[in-house]
N, C-alpha and C. Protein backbone atom coordinates (compact mmCIF):
# COMPACT_ATOMS: atom_id res chain seq x y z
N MET A 1 -46.12 -14.23 -81.09
CA MET A 1 -47.22 -15.16 -81.00
C MET A 1 -47.76 -15.14 -79.57
N GLU A 2 -49.05 -14.99 -79.42
CA GLU A 2 -49.66 -14.93 -78.10
C GLU A 2 -49.88 -16.35 -77.59
N THR A 3 -49.74 -16.52 -76.28
CA THR A 3 -49.96 -17.84 -75.71
C THR A 3 -51.45 -18.15 -75.73
N GLU A 4 -51.78 -19.42 -75.58
CA GLU A 4 -53.17 -19.84 -75.67
C GLU A 4 -54.04 -19.14 -74.64
N SER A 5 -53.50 -18.88 -73.44
CA SER A 5 -54.31 -18.24 -72.41
C SER A 5 -54.62 -16.79 -72.76
N MET A 6 -53.92 -16.24 -73.75
CA MET A 6 -54.14 -14.85 -74.12
C MET A 6 -55.04 -14.70 -75.33
N ASN A 7 -55.41 -15.78 -76.00
CA ASN A 7 -56.22 -15.67 -77.20
C ASN A 7 -57.64 -15.25 -76.85
N ILE A 8 -58.19 -14.40 -77.68
CA ILE A 8 -59.57 -13.95 -77.52
C ILE A 8 -60.42 -14.77 -78.48
N THR A 9 -61.49 -15.35 -77.98
CA THR A 9 -62.39 -16.10 -78.85
C THR A 9 -63.62 -15.27 -79.15
N ASN A 10 -64.25 -15.52 -80.25
CA ASN A 10 -65.41 -14.75 -80.67
C ASN A 10 -66.63 -14.97 -79.80
N ASN A 11 -66.66 -16.04 -79.01
CA ASN A 11 -67.85 -16.31 -78.21
C ASN A 11 -67.76 -15.78 -76.78
N GLN A 12 -66.69 -15.02 -76.43
CA GLN A 12 -66.62 -14.46 -75.09
C GLN A 12 -67.56 -13.27 -74.96
N LYS A 13 -68.13 -13.11 -73.79
CA LYS A 13 -69.12 -12.09 -73.56
C LYS A 13 -68.49 -10.69 -73.62
N VAL A 14 -69.05 -9.83 -74.44
CA VAL A 14 -68.60 -8.44 -74.51
C VAL A 14 -69.12 -7.73 -73.27
N GLY A 15 -68.32 -6.84 -72.72
CA GLY A 15 -68.72 -6.12 -71.53
C GLY A 15 -68.26 -6.81 -70.27
N GLY A 16 -67.47 -7.83 -70.38
CA GLY A 16 -66.94 -8.53 -69.22
C GLY A 16 -65.46 -8.78 -69.42
N ILE A 17 -65.00 -9.90 -68.91
CA ILE A 17 -63.58 -10.19 -68.96
C ILE A 17 -63.07 -10.33 -70.40
N GLY A 18 -63.92 -10.81 -71.31
CA GLY A 18 -63.53 -10.89 -72.72
C GLY A 18 -63.24 -9.51 -73.31
N GLU A 19 -64.09 -8.54 -72.98
CA GLU A 19 -63.85 -7.18 -73.46
C GLU A 19 -62.58 -6.60 -72.82
N ILE A 20 -62.37 -6.88 -71.54
CA ILE A 20 -61.17 -6.38 -70.86
C ILE A 20 -59.92 -6.96 -71.53
N ARG A 21 -59.96 -8.24 -71.88
CA ARG A 21 -58.84 -8.86 -72.59
C ARG A 21 -58.60 -8.18 -73.93
N SER A 22 -59.67 -7.94 -74.65
CA SER A 22 -59.55 -7.31 -75.97
C SER A 22 -58.97 -5.90 -75.86
N VAL A 23 -59.47 -5.11 -74.91
CA VAL A 23 -58.96 -3.75 -74.71
C VAL A 23 -57.49 -3.81 -74.31
N THR A 24 -57.13 -4.72 -73.42
CA THR A 24 -55.74 -4.84 -72.96
C THR A 24 -54.81 -5.15 -74.13
N ARG A 25 -55.20 -6.11 -74.93
CA ARG A 25 -54.40 -6.47 -76.11
C ARG A 25 -54.28 -5.29 -77.07
N ASP A 26 -55.39 -4.58 -77.30
CA ASP A 26 -55.38 -3.45 -78.22
C ASP A 26 -54.49 -2.31 -77.73
N VAL A 27 -54.51 -2.03 -76.42
CA VAL A 27 -53.65 -0.97 -75.87
C VAL A 27 -52.19 -1.37 -76.01
N ARG A 28 -51.88 -2.63 -75.76
CA ARG A 28 -50.51 -3.12 -75.94
C ARG A 28 -50.06 -2.92 -77.39
N LYS A 29 -50.90 -3.31 -78.31
CA LYS A 29 -50.58 -3.18 -79.74
C LYS A 29 -50.34 -1.71 -80.10
N GLU A 30 -51.22 -0.85 -79.63
CA GLU A 30 -51.10 0.58 -79.92
C GLU A 30 -49.80 1.16 -79.36
N ARG A 31 -49.44 0.80 -78.14
CA ARG A 31 -48.20 1.33 -77.55
C ARG A 31 -46.98 0.83 -78.33
N ILE A 32 -46.97 -0.43 -78.73
CA ILE A 32 -45.82 -0.97 -79.47
C ILE A 32 -45.71 -0.29 -80.84
N GLU A 33 -46.84 -0.18 -81.54
CA GLU A 33 -46.80 0.37 -82.90
C GLU A 33 -46.64 1.89 -82.92
N THR A 34 -47.29 2.60 -82.01
CA THR A 34 -47.26 4.05 -82.03
C THR A 34 -46.09 4.62 -81.23
N ASP A 35 -45.97 4.21 -79.97
CA ASP A 35 -44.94 4.80 -79.11
C ASP A 35 -43.54 4.27 -79.41
N HIS A 36 -43.46 3.04 -79.90
CA HIS A 36 -42.14 2.44 -80.19
C HIS A 36 -41.87 2.26 -81.68
N ASN A 37 -42.88 2.56 -82.52
CA ASN A 37 -42.74 2.47 -83.97
C ASN A 37 -42.24 1.09 -84.42
N LEU A 38 -42.83 0.04 -83.85
CA LEU A 38 -42.46 -1.34 -84.19
C LEU A 38 -43.69 -2.08 -84.70
N ASP A 39 -43.47 -3.13 -85.46
CA ASP A 39 -44.56 -3.97 -85.94
C ASP A 39 -44.98 -4.91 -84.82
N TYR A 40 -46.25 -4.85 -84.45
CA TYR A 40 -46.76 -5.62 -83.31
C TYR A 40 -46.55 -7.12 -83.48
N GLN A 41 -46.96 -7.68 -84.62
CA GLN A 41 -46.87 -9.13 -84.79
C GLN A 41 -45.43 -9.61 -84.80
N THR A 42 -44.53 -8.84 -85.39
CA THR A 42 -43.10 -9.21 -85.38
C THR A 42 -42.57 -9.24 -83.95
N VAL A 43 -42.92 -8.22 -83.17
CA VAL A 43 -42.49 -8.16 -81.77
C VAL A 43 -43.04 -9.36 -81.00
N GLN A 44 -44.33 -9.66 -81.16
CA GLN A 44 -44.94 -10.79 -80.45
C GLN A 44 -44.25 -12.10 -80.82
N ASN A 45 -43.98 -12.31 -82.10
CA ASN A 45 -43.31 -13.54 -82.54
C ASN A 45 -41.90 -13.65 -81.98
N GLU A 46 -41.17 -12.54 -81.99
CA GLU A 46 -39.78 -12.57 -81.50
C GLU A 46 -39.71 -12.70 -79.98
N ILE A 47 -40.68 -12.16 -79.27
CA ILE A 47 -40.73 -12.35 -77.82
C ILE A 47 -41.02 -13.82 -77.51
N ALA A 48 -41.95 -14.40 -78.25
CA ALA A 48 -42.34 -15.80 -78.02
C ALA A 48 -41.17 -16.75 -78.27
N THR A 49 -40.29 -16.41 -79.19
CA THR A 49 -39.13 -17.27 -79.47
C THR A 49 -37.88 -16.79 -78.74
N ARG A 50 -38.08 -15.83 -77.82
CA ARG A 50 -37.01 -15.30 -76.98
C ARG A 50 -35.88 -14.64 -77.77
N LYS A 51 -36.22 -14.09 -78.94
CA LYS A 51 -35.23 -13.37 -79.74
C LYS A 51 -35.25 -11.88 -79.45
N TYR A 52 -36.24 -11.42 -78.69
CA TYR A 52 -36.45 -9.98 -78.55
C TYR A 52 -36.91 -9.66 -77.14
N HIS A 53 -36.38 -8.60 -76.58
CA HIS A 53 -36.79 -8.08 -75.27
C HIS A 53 -38.08 -7.27 -75.47
N ASP A 54 -39.07 -7.47 -74.61
CA ASP A 54 -40.33 -6.74 -74.73
C ASP A 54 -40.07 -5.24 -74.58
N PRO A 55 -40.43 -4.44 -75.59
CA PRO A 55 -40.13 -3.00 -75.53
C PRO A 55 -40.91 -2.24 -74.46
N LEU A 56 -41.95 -2.85 -73.88
CA LEU A 56 -42.75 -2.17 -72.86
C LEU A 56 -42.29 -2.47 -71.44
N LEU A 57 -41.33 -3.39 -71.28
CA LEU A 57 -40.80 -3.66 -69.94
C LEU A 57 -40.13 -2.40 -69.40
N GLY A 58 -40.35 -2.12 -68.13
CA GLY A 58 -39.75 -0.94 -67.51
C GLY A 58 -40.55 0.33 -67.73
N GLU A 59 -41.70 0.22 -68.39
CA GLU A 59 -42.54 1.38 -68.66
C GLU A 59 -43.91 1.23 -68.00
N CYS A 60 -43.91 0.67 -66.78
CA CYS A 60 -45.20 0.33 -66.18
C CYS A 60 -46.06 1.56 -65.88
N GLN A 61 -45.46 2.73 -65.60
CA GLN A 61 -46.28 3.92 -65.37
C GLN A 61 -47.04 4.28 -66.65
N GLN A 62 -46.33 4.37 -67.78
CA GLN A 62 -46.98 4.70 -69.05
C GLN A 62 -47.98 3.63 -69.46
N ASN A 63 -47.59 2.36 -69.29
CA ASN A 63 -48.48 1.25 -69.66
C ASN A 63 -49.78 1.30 -68.86
N THR A 64 -49.65 1.55 -67.56
CA THR A 64 -50.81 1.56 -66.66
C THR A 64 -51.74 2.72 -66.97
N ILE A 65 -51.18 3.90 -67.18
CA ILE A 65 -52.02 5.07 -67.51
C ILE A 65 -52.75 4.83 -68.83
N ALA A 66 -52.05 4.31 -69.84
CA ALA A 66 -52.67 4.05 -71.15
C ALA A 66 -53.83 3.06 -71.02
N LEU A 67 -53.61 1.98 -70.27
CA LEU A 67 -54.66 0.97 -70.11
C LEU A 67 -55.82 1.50 -69.26
N ALA A 68 -55.51 2.19 -68.17
CA ALA A 68 -56.56 2.75 -67.31
C ALA A 68 -57.44 3.72 -68.10
N ASP A 69 -56.82 4.54 -68.92
CA ASP A 69 -57.57 5.51 -69.72
C ASP A 69 -58.53 4.80 -70.67
N LYS A 70 -58.03 3.80 -71.37
CA LYS A 70 -58.87 3.10 -72.36
C LYS A 70 -60.00 2.32 -71.67
N LEU A 71 -59.71 1.68 -70.54
CA LEU A 71 -60.75 0.92 -69.84
C LEU A 71 -61.85 1.85 -69.30
N THR A 72 -61.47 3.03 -68.81
CA THR A 72 -62.50 3.97 -68.34
C THR A 72 -63.34 4.47 -69.51
N GLN A 73 -62.73 4.61 -70.69
CA GLN A 73 -63.51 4.99 -71.89
C GLN A 73 -64.55 3.92 -72.23
N HIS A 74 -64.28 2.68 -71.84
CA HIS A 74 -65.22 1.58 -72.07
C HIS A 74 -66.21 1.42 -70.92
N GLY A 75 -66.16 2.33 -69.94
CA GLY A 75 -67.15 2.34 -68.87
C GLY A 75 -66.76 1.60 -67.59
N TYR A 76 -65.52 1.15 -67.48
CA TYR A 76 -65.10 0.42 -66.28
C TYR A 76 -64.59 1.38 -65.22
N THR A 77 -64.84 1.04 -63.96
CA THR A 77 -64.18 1.69 -62.84
C THR A 77 -62.80 1.05 -62.75
N VAL A 78 -61.75 1.87 -62.69
CA VAL A 78 -60.39 1.34 -62.76
C VAL A 78 -59.58 1.87 -61.58
N ASP A 79 -58.85 0.97 -60.94
CA ASP A 79 -57.89 1.33 -59.91
C ASP A 79 -56.49 1.02 -60.41
N ILE A 80 -55.57 1.92 -60.12
CA ILE A 80 -54.15 1.67 -60.38
C ILE A 80 -53.56 1.20 -59.07
N ILE A 81 -52.81 0.12 -59.13
CA ILE A 81 -52.17 -0.42 -57.93
C ILE A 81 -50.69 -0.02 -57.93
N TRP A 82 -50.28 0.63 -56.83
CA TRP A 82 -48.88 1.01 -56.63
C TRP A 82 -48.27 -0.14 -55.83
N GLY A 83 -47.74 -1.11 -56.53
CA GLY A 83 -47.29 -2.33 -55.88
C GLY A 83 -45.80 -2.54 -55.98
N ALA A 84 -45.42 -3.76 -55.69
CA ALA A 84 -44.00 -4.12 -55.71
C ALA A 84 -43.86 -5.52 -56.28
N LEU A 85 -42.70 -5.76 -56.84
CA LEU A 85 -42.35 -7.11 -57.27
C LEU A 85 -41.63 -7.78 -56.11
N LYS A 86 -42.00 -9.00 -55.82
CA LYS A 86 -41.34 -9.74 -54.75
C LYS A 86 -39.95 -10.13 -55.20
N GLU A 87 -39.01 -10.05 -54.29
CA GLU A 87 -37.65 -10.48 -54.59
C GLU A 87 -37.63 -11.99 -54.79
N PRO A 88 -36.85 -12.46 -55.77
CA PRO A 88 -36.71 -13.92 -55.91
C PRO A 88 -36.18 -14.53 -54.61
N GLN A 89 -36.59 -15.75 -54.32
CA GLN A 89 -36.19 -16.42 -53.08
C GLN A 89 -34.68 -16.41 -52.88
N SER A 90 -33.91 -16.51 -53.97
CA SER A 90 -32.46 -16.57 -53.84
C SER A 90 -31.88 -15.26 -53.33
N ARG A 91 -32.56 -14.11 -53.56
CA ARG A 91 -32.05 -12.81 -53.11
C ARG A 91 -32.80 -12.29 -51.91
N GLN A 92 -33.88 -12.94 -51.52
CA GLN A 92 -34.74 -12.45 -50.45
C GLN A 92 -34.14 -12.80 -49.09
N SER A 93 -34.01 -11.81 -48.25
CA SER A 93 -33.56 -12.04 -46.89
C SER A 93 -34.70 -12.68 -46.10
N SER A 94 -34.39 -13.71 -45.36
CA SER A 94 -35.45 -14.41 -44.61
C SER A 94 -36.05 -13.52 -43.52
N THR A 95 -35.32 -12.47 -43.11
CA THR A 95 -35.83 -11.58 -42.07
C THR A 95 -36.53 -10.36 -42.64
N GLN A 96 -36.49 -10.17 -43.95
CA GLN A 96 -37.07 -8.99 -44.58
C GLN A 96 -38.47 -9.30 -45.12
N PRO A 97 -39.53 -8.82 -44.46
CA PRO A 97 -40.88 -9.05 -44.98
C PRO A 97 -41.14 -8.12 -46.18
N PRO A 98 -42.13 -8.43 -47.01
CA PRO A 98 -42.46 -7.54 -48.11
C PRO A 98 -42.95 -6.20 -47.57
N PRO A 99 -42.85 -5.12 -48.34
CA PRO A 99 -43.31 -3.82 -47.86
C PRO A 99 -44.79 -3.84 -47.55
N GLN A 100 -45.17 -3.21 -46.45
CA GLN A 100 -46.57 -3.17 -46.05
C GLN A 100 -47.27 -1.89 -46.48
N THR A 101 -46.50 -0.86 -46.84
CA THR A 101 -47.07 0.40 -47.31
C THR A 101 -46.31 0.86 -48.55
N VAL A 102 -46.90 1.78 -49.29
CA VAL A 102 -46.24 2.34 -50.47
C VAL A 102 -44.93 3.01 -50.06
N LYS A 103 -44.91 3.70 -48.93
CA LYS A 103 -43.70 4.38 -48.47
C LYS A 103 -42.55 3.41 -48.25
N GLU A 104 -42.84 2.18 -47.87
CA GLU A 104 -41.79 1.18 -47.59
C GLU A 104 -41.20 0.56 -48.85
N ILE A 105 -41.82 0.76 -50.01
CA ILE A 105 -41.29 0.17 -51.24
C ILE A 105 -40.01 0.91 -51.62
N GLN A 106 -38.88 0.22 -51.55
CA GLN A 106 -37.60 0.83 -51.86
C GLN A 106 -37.17 0.57 -53.29
N SER A 107 -37.45 -0.61 -53.79
CA SER A 107 -37.07 -0.96 -55.15
C SER A 107 -38.15 -1.89 -55.70
N ALA A 108 -38.01 -2.24 -56.94
CA ALA A 108 -38.93 -3.17 -57.60
C ALA A 108 -40.37 -2.68 -57.56
N VAL A 109 -40.55 -1.35 -57.72
CA VAL A 109 -41.89 -0.78 -57.80
C VAL A 109 -42.53 -1.27 -59.10
N HIS A 110 -43.80 -1.60 -59.04
CA HIS A 110 -44.52 -2.01 -60.24
C HIS A 110 -45.96 -1.52 -60.14
N PHE A 111 -46.53 -1.13 -61.27
CA PHE A 111 -47.91 -0.66 -61.33
C PHE A 111 -48.71 -1.58 -62.23
N TRP A 112 -49.96 -1.79 -61.86
CA TRP A 112 -50.88 -2.54 -62.70
C TRP A 112 -52.28 -2.01 -62.47
N VAL A 113 -53.20 -2.45 -63.30
CA VAL A 113 -54.60 -2.01 -63.24
C VAL A 113 -55.43 -3.12 -62.61
N GLU A 114 -56.38 -2.74 -61.78
CA GLU A 114 -57.38 -3.67 -61.27
C GLU A 114 -58.76 -3.07 -61.47
N ILE A 115 -59.66 -3.89 -61.95
CA ILE A 115 -61.06 -3.49 -62.10
C ILE A 115 -61.79 -4.13 -60.93
N PRO A 116 -62.25 -3.30 -59.98
CA PRO A 116 -62.93 -3.88 -58.82
C PRO A 116 -64.28 -4.47 -59.20
N PRO A 117 -64.74 -5.44 -58.41
CA PRO A 117 -66.04 -6.04 -58.73
C PRO A 117 -67.16 -5.02 -58.54
N ASP A 118 -68.12 -5.09 -59.41
CA ASP A 118 -69.35 -4.32 -59.25
C ASP A 118 -70.46 -5.02 -60.01
N LYS A 119 -71.65 -4.49 -59.91
CA LYS A 119 -72.80 -5.16 -60.50
C LYS A 119 -72.71 -5.29 -62.02
N ASN A 120 -71.86 -4.51 -62.67
CA ASN A 120 -71.76 -4.55 -64.13
C ASN A 120 -70.67 -5.51 -64.63
N ASN A 121 -69.79 -5.94 -63.76
CA ASN A 121 -68.69 -6.81 -64.19
C ASN A 121 -69.12 -8.26 -64.24
N ILE A 122 -68.52 -9.00 -65.14
CA ILE A 122 -68.78 -10.43 -65.24
C ILE A 122 -68.23 -11.15 -64.00
N ASN A 123 -67.16 -10.62 -63.40
CA ASN A 123 -66.55 -11.19 -62.21
C ASN A 123 -67.01 -10.39 -61.00
N LYS A 124 -68.02 -10.86 -60.32
CA LYS A 124 -68.59 -10.13 -59.20
C LYS A 124 -67.91 -10.44 -57.87
N LYS A 125 -67.02 -11.45 -57.84
CA LYS A 125 -66.44 -11.89 -56.58
C LYS A 125 -65.09 -11.27 -56.24
N GLY A 126 -64.36 -10.77 -57.23
CA GLY A 126 -63.04 -10.23 -56.95
C GLY A 126 -62.54 -9.32 -58.05
N ASN A 127 -61.34 -8.82 -57.86
CA ASN A 127 -60.73 -7.90 -58.82
C ASN A 127 -60.31 -8.62 -60.09
N ILE A 128 -60.36 -7.89 -61.19
CA ILE A 128 -59.78 -8.36 -62.44
C ILE A 128 -58.50 -7.57 -62.63
N ILE A 129 -57.39 -8.26 -62.71
CA ILE A 129 -56.08 -7.65 -62.85
C ILE A 129 -55.72 -7.64 -64.33
N ALA A 130 -55.30 -6.47 -64.82
CA ALA A 130 -54.96 -6.35 -66.24
C ALA A 130 -53.69 -5.52 -66.39
N GLU A 131 -52.86 -5.92 -67.33
CA GLU A 131 -51.71 -5.10 -67.68
C GLU A 131 -51.22 -5.46 -69.07
N ILE A 132 -50.62 -4.48 -69.73
CA ILE A 132 -50.19 -4.70 -71.11
C ILE A 132 -48.77 -5.22 -71.19
N CYS A 133 -48.07 -5.25 -70.05
CA CYS A 133 -46.72 -5.81 -70.03
C CYS A 133 -46.41 -6.30 -68.63
N LYS A 134 -46.59 -7.60 -68.41
CA LYS A 134 -46.37 -8.15 -67.07
C LYS A 134 -44.88 -8.33 -66.81
N GLU A 135 -44.52 -8.22 -65.56
CA GLU A 135 -43.13 -8.43 -65.14
C GLU A 135 -42.96 -9.88 -64.73
N PRO A 136 -41.84 -10.50 -64.93
CA PRO A 136 -40.65 -9.98 -65.59
C PRO A 136 -40.55 -10.40 -67.05
N THR A 137 -41.57 -11.02 -67.61
CA THR A 137 -41.43 -11.65 -68.93
C THR A 137 -41.99 -10.83 -70.09
N GLY A 138 -42.71 -9.77 -69.80
CA GLY A 138 -43.38 -9.05 -70.88
C GLY A 138 -44.69 -9.72 -71.20
N GLN A 139 -45.23 -9.46 -72.38
CA GLN A 139 -46.53 -9.93 -72.81
C GLN A 139 -47.63 -9.23 -72.01
N TRP A 140 -48.87 -9.60 -72.22
CA TRP A 140 -49.99 -8.99 -71.52
C TRP A 140 -50.74 -10.05 -70.74
N GLN A 141 -51.52 -9.60 -69.77
CA GLN A 141 -52.30 -10.56 -69.00
C GLN A 141 -53.57 -9.93 -68.47
N VAL A 142 -54.59 -10.76 -68.34
CA VAL A 142 -55.83 -10.42 -67.66
C VAL A 142 -56.14 -11.65 -66.81
N THR A 143 -56.27 -11.45 -65.51
CA THR A 143 -56.44 -12.57 -64.60
C THR A 143 -57.27 -12.14 -63.39
N THR A 144 -57.78 -13.08 -62.67
CA THR A 144 -58.50 -12.78 -61.42
C THR A 144 -57.66 -13.14 -60.20
N THR A 145 -56.43 -13.56 -60.43
CA THR A 145 -55.54 -13.95 -59.35
C THR A 145 -54.28 -13.09 -59.39
N LEU A 146 -53.91 -12.50 -58.26
CA LEU A 146 -52.68 -11.70 -58.20
C LEU A 146 -51.49 -12.60 -58.50
N PRO A 147 -50.67 -12.24 -59.50
CA PRO A 147 -49.50 -13.08 -59.82
C PRO A 147 -48.59 -13.26 -58.61
N ASN A 148 -47.98 -14.42 -58.49
CA ASN A 148 -47.11 -14.74 -57.35
C ASN A 148 -45.98 -13.75 -57.16
N ALA A 149 -45.47 -13.17 -58.24
CA ALA A 149 -44.33 -12.26 -58.14
C ALA A 149 -44.73 -10.86 -57.68
N TYR A 150 -46.04 -10.60 -57.53
CA TYR A 150 -46.51 -9.26 -57.20
C TYR A 150 -46.90 -9.17 -55.73
N HIS A 151 -46.72 -7.97 -55.18
CA HIS A 151 -47.15 -7.71 -53.80
C HIS A 151 -47.96 -6.41 -53.81
N ARG A 152 -49.15 -6.47 -53.18
CA ARG A 152 -50.03 -5.31 -53.09
C ARG A 152 -50.04 -4.81 -51.64
N PRO A 153 -49.29 -3.73 -51.34
CA PRO A 153 -49.30 -3.20 -49.97
C PRO A 153 -50.64 -2.55 -49.63
N VAL A 154 -50.85 -2.25 -48.36
CA VAL A 154 -52.07 -1.53 -47.96
C VAL A 154 -51.99 -0.11 -48.50
N GLU A 155 -53.14 0.51 -48.69
CA GLU A 155 -53.25 1.87 -49.22
C GLU A 155 -52.49 2.05 -50.53
N SER A 156 -52.58 1.05 -51.40
CA SER A 156 -51.89 1.11 -52.70
C SER A 156 -52.88 1.22 -53.86
N ARG A 157 -54.16 1.27 -53.55
CA ARG A 157 -55.21 1.31 -54.58
C ARG A 157 -55.58 2.76 -54.86
N ILE A 158 -55.36 3.18 -56.11
CA ILE A 158 -55.60 4.57 -56.52
C ILE A 158 -56.71 4.57 -57.58
N ARG A 159 -57.79 5.26 -57.31
CA ARG A 159 -58.90 5.34 -58.27
C ARG A 159 -58.48 6.23 -59.43
N TYR A 160 -58.54 5.69 -60.65
CA TYR A 160 -58.11 6.43 -61.84
C TYR A 160 -59.17 7.44 -62.26
N LYS A 161 -58.74 8.68 -62.38
CA LYS A 161 -59.57 9.77 -62.92
C LYS A 161 -58.69 10.50 -63.93
N LYS A 162 -59.07 10.45 -65.18
CA LYS A 162 -58.24 10.94 -66.29
C LYS A 162 -57.65 12.32 -66.06
N ASP A 163 -58.43 13.26 -65.64
CA ASP A 163 -57.94 14.63 -65.51
C ASP A 163 -57.24 14.91 -64.18
N GLU A 164 -57.17 13.90 -63.30
CA GLU A 164 -56.58 14.13 -61.99
C GLU A 164 -55.32 13.30 -61.71
N ILE A 165 -54.99 12.38 -62.57
CA ILE A 165 -53.81 11.54 -62.35
C ILE A 165 -53.03 11.44 -63.65
N SER A 166 -51.72 11.55 -63.52
CA SER A 166 -50.85 11.43 -64.70
C SER A 166 -49.63 10.59 -64.31
N GLU A 167 -48.84 10.33 -65.32
CA GLU A 167 -47.62 9.55 -65.11
C GLU A 167 -46.71 10.18 -64.05
N LYS A 168 -46.67 11.51 -63.98
CA LYS A 168 -45.79 12.18 -63.01
C LYS A 168 -46.15 11.82 -61.57
N HIS A 169 -47.43 11.55 -61.31
CA HIS A 169 -47.84 11.16 -59.96
C HIS A 169 -47.28 9.79 -59.57
N LEU A 170 -46.94 8.97 -60.56
CA LEU A 170 -46.48 7.60 -60.29
C LEU A 170 -44.96 7.50 -60.27
N LYS A 171 -44.28 8.63 -60.29
CA LYS A 171 -42.80 8.62 -60.35
C LYS A 171 -42.13 8.66 -58.98
N SER A 172 -42.84 9.12 -57.94
CA SER A 172 -42.20 9.27 -56.64
C SER A 172 -43.22 9.22 -55.51
N TYR A 173 -42.70 9.09 -54.29
CA TYR A 173 -43.58 9.10 -53.13
C TYR A 173 -44.27 10.46 -52.99
N ALA A 174 -43.61 11.53 -53.40
CA ALA A 174 -44.22 12.87 -53.37
C ALA A 174 -45.47 12.89 -54.26
N GLY A 175 -45.40 12.22 -55.42
CA GLY A 175 -46.57 12.12 -56.30
C GLY A 175 -47.69 11.33 -55.64
N TYR A 176 -47.32 10.27 -54.93
CA TYR A 176 -48.30 9.46 -54.20
C TYR A 176 -49.02 10.33 -53.16
N LYS A 177 -48.26 11.16 -52.44
CA LYS A 177 -48.86 12.03 -51.43
C LYS A 177 -49.83 13.04 -52.07
N GLN A 178 -49.54 13.49 -53.29
CA GLN A 178 -50.47 14.36 -53.99
C GLN A 178 -51.78 13.62 -54.29
N LEU A 179 -51.67 12.34 -54.63
CA LEU A 179 -52.87 11.54 -54.91
C LEU A 179 -53.70 11.36 -53.64
N ILE A 180 -53.03 11.23 -52.49
CA ILE A 180 -53.75 11.15 -51.21
C ILE A 180 -54.54 12.45 -50.99
N LYS A 181 -53.89 13.59 -51.20
CA LYS A 181 -54.55 14.88 -51.01
C LYS A 181 -55.75 15.05 -51.93
N LYS A 182 -55.67 14.49 -53.12
CA LYS A 182 -56.78 14.56 -54.08
C LYS A 182 -57.90 13.59 -53.73
N GLY A 183 -57.66 12.72 -52.75
CA GLY A 183 -58.67 11.75 -52.35
C GLY A 183 -58.77 10.55 -53.29
N LEU A 184 -57.72 10.29 -54.06
CA LEU A 184 -57.76 9.19 -55.02
C LEU A 184 -57.25 7.87 -54.47
N VAL A 185 -56.56 7.88 -53.34
CA VAL A 185 -56.11 6.63 -52.73
C VAL A 185 -57.31 6.08 -51.96
N VAL A 186 -57.84 4.94 -52.45
CA VAL A 186 -59.09 4.44 -51.91
C VAL A 186 -58.92 3.27 -50.94
N SER A 187 -57.77 2.64 -50.94
CA SER A 187 -57.48 1.59 -49.94
C SER A 187 -56.08 1.08 -50.15
């Protein structure tokens, strides 16, 4: 069962955040049903009642590529963010600041999609963040605010180009350096 903030209503404007929500939900459904061979509604209901672990957790590279590809097919400019999950306060060293660069990310790497503002987006003031499986709880989200658990280091924004970026580029720092050489790291 999807939470109220995730429901799509028929009166939301197509071509803006409503369409992004719809595409995000559809990509999530497709990955669960096709890649994991599971019934989408059963998985959603069991996740909502905490009977089931989200099958897309831990697959942020595949999730991000799938969503970026579909959003670009709908005409959006899409950036993949090579980010990090913030350590919970109980495990965080008070002297250890969050990583400032992609190279400094040692653990808790996480990827998500951001649609930068442009004249065609409904949100002209900031990025729209989208992912088909948010950490650490699963489910999907579309928001204009970076979740508190996420950290976006500098030079972590990678412009998605279908024929130039693949999941293998998101597996290691060596892959990140290849993206720099291709000119896809935009900030």
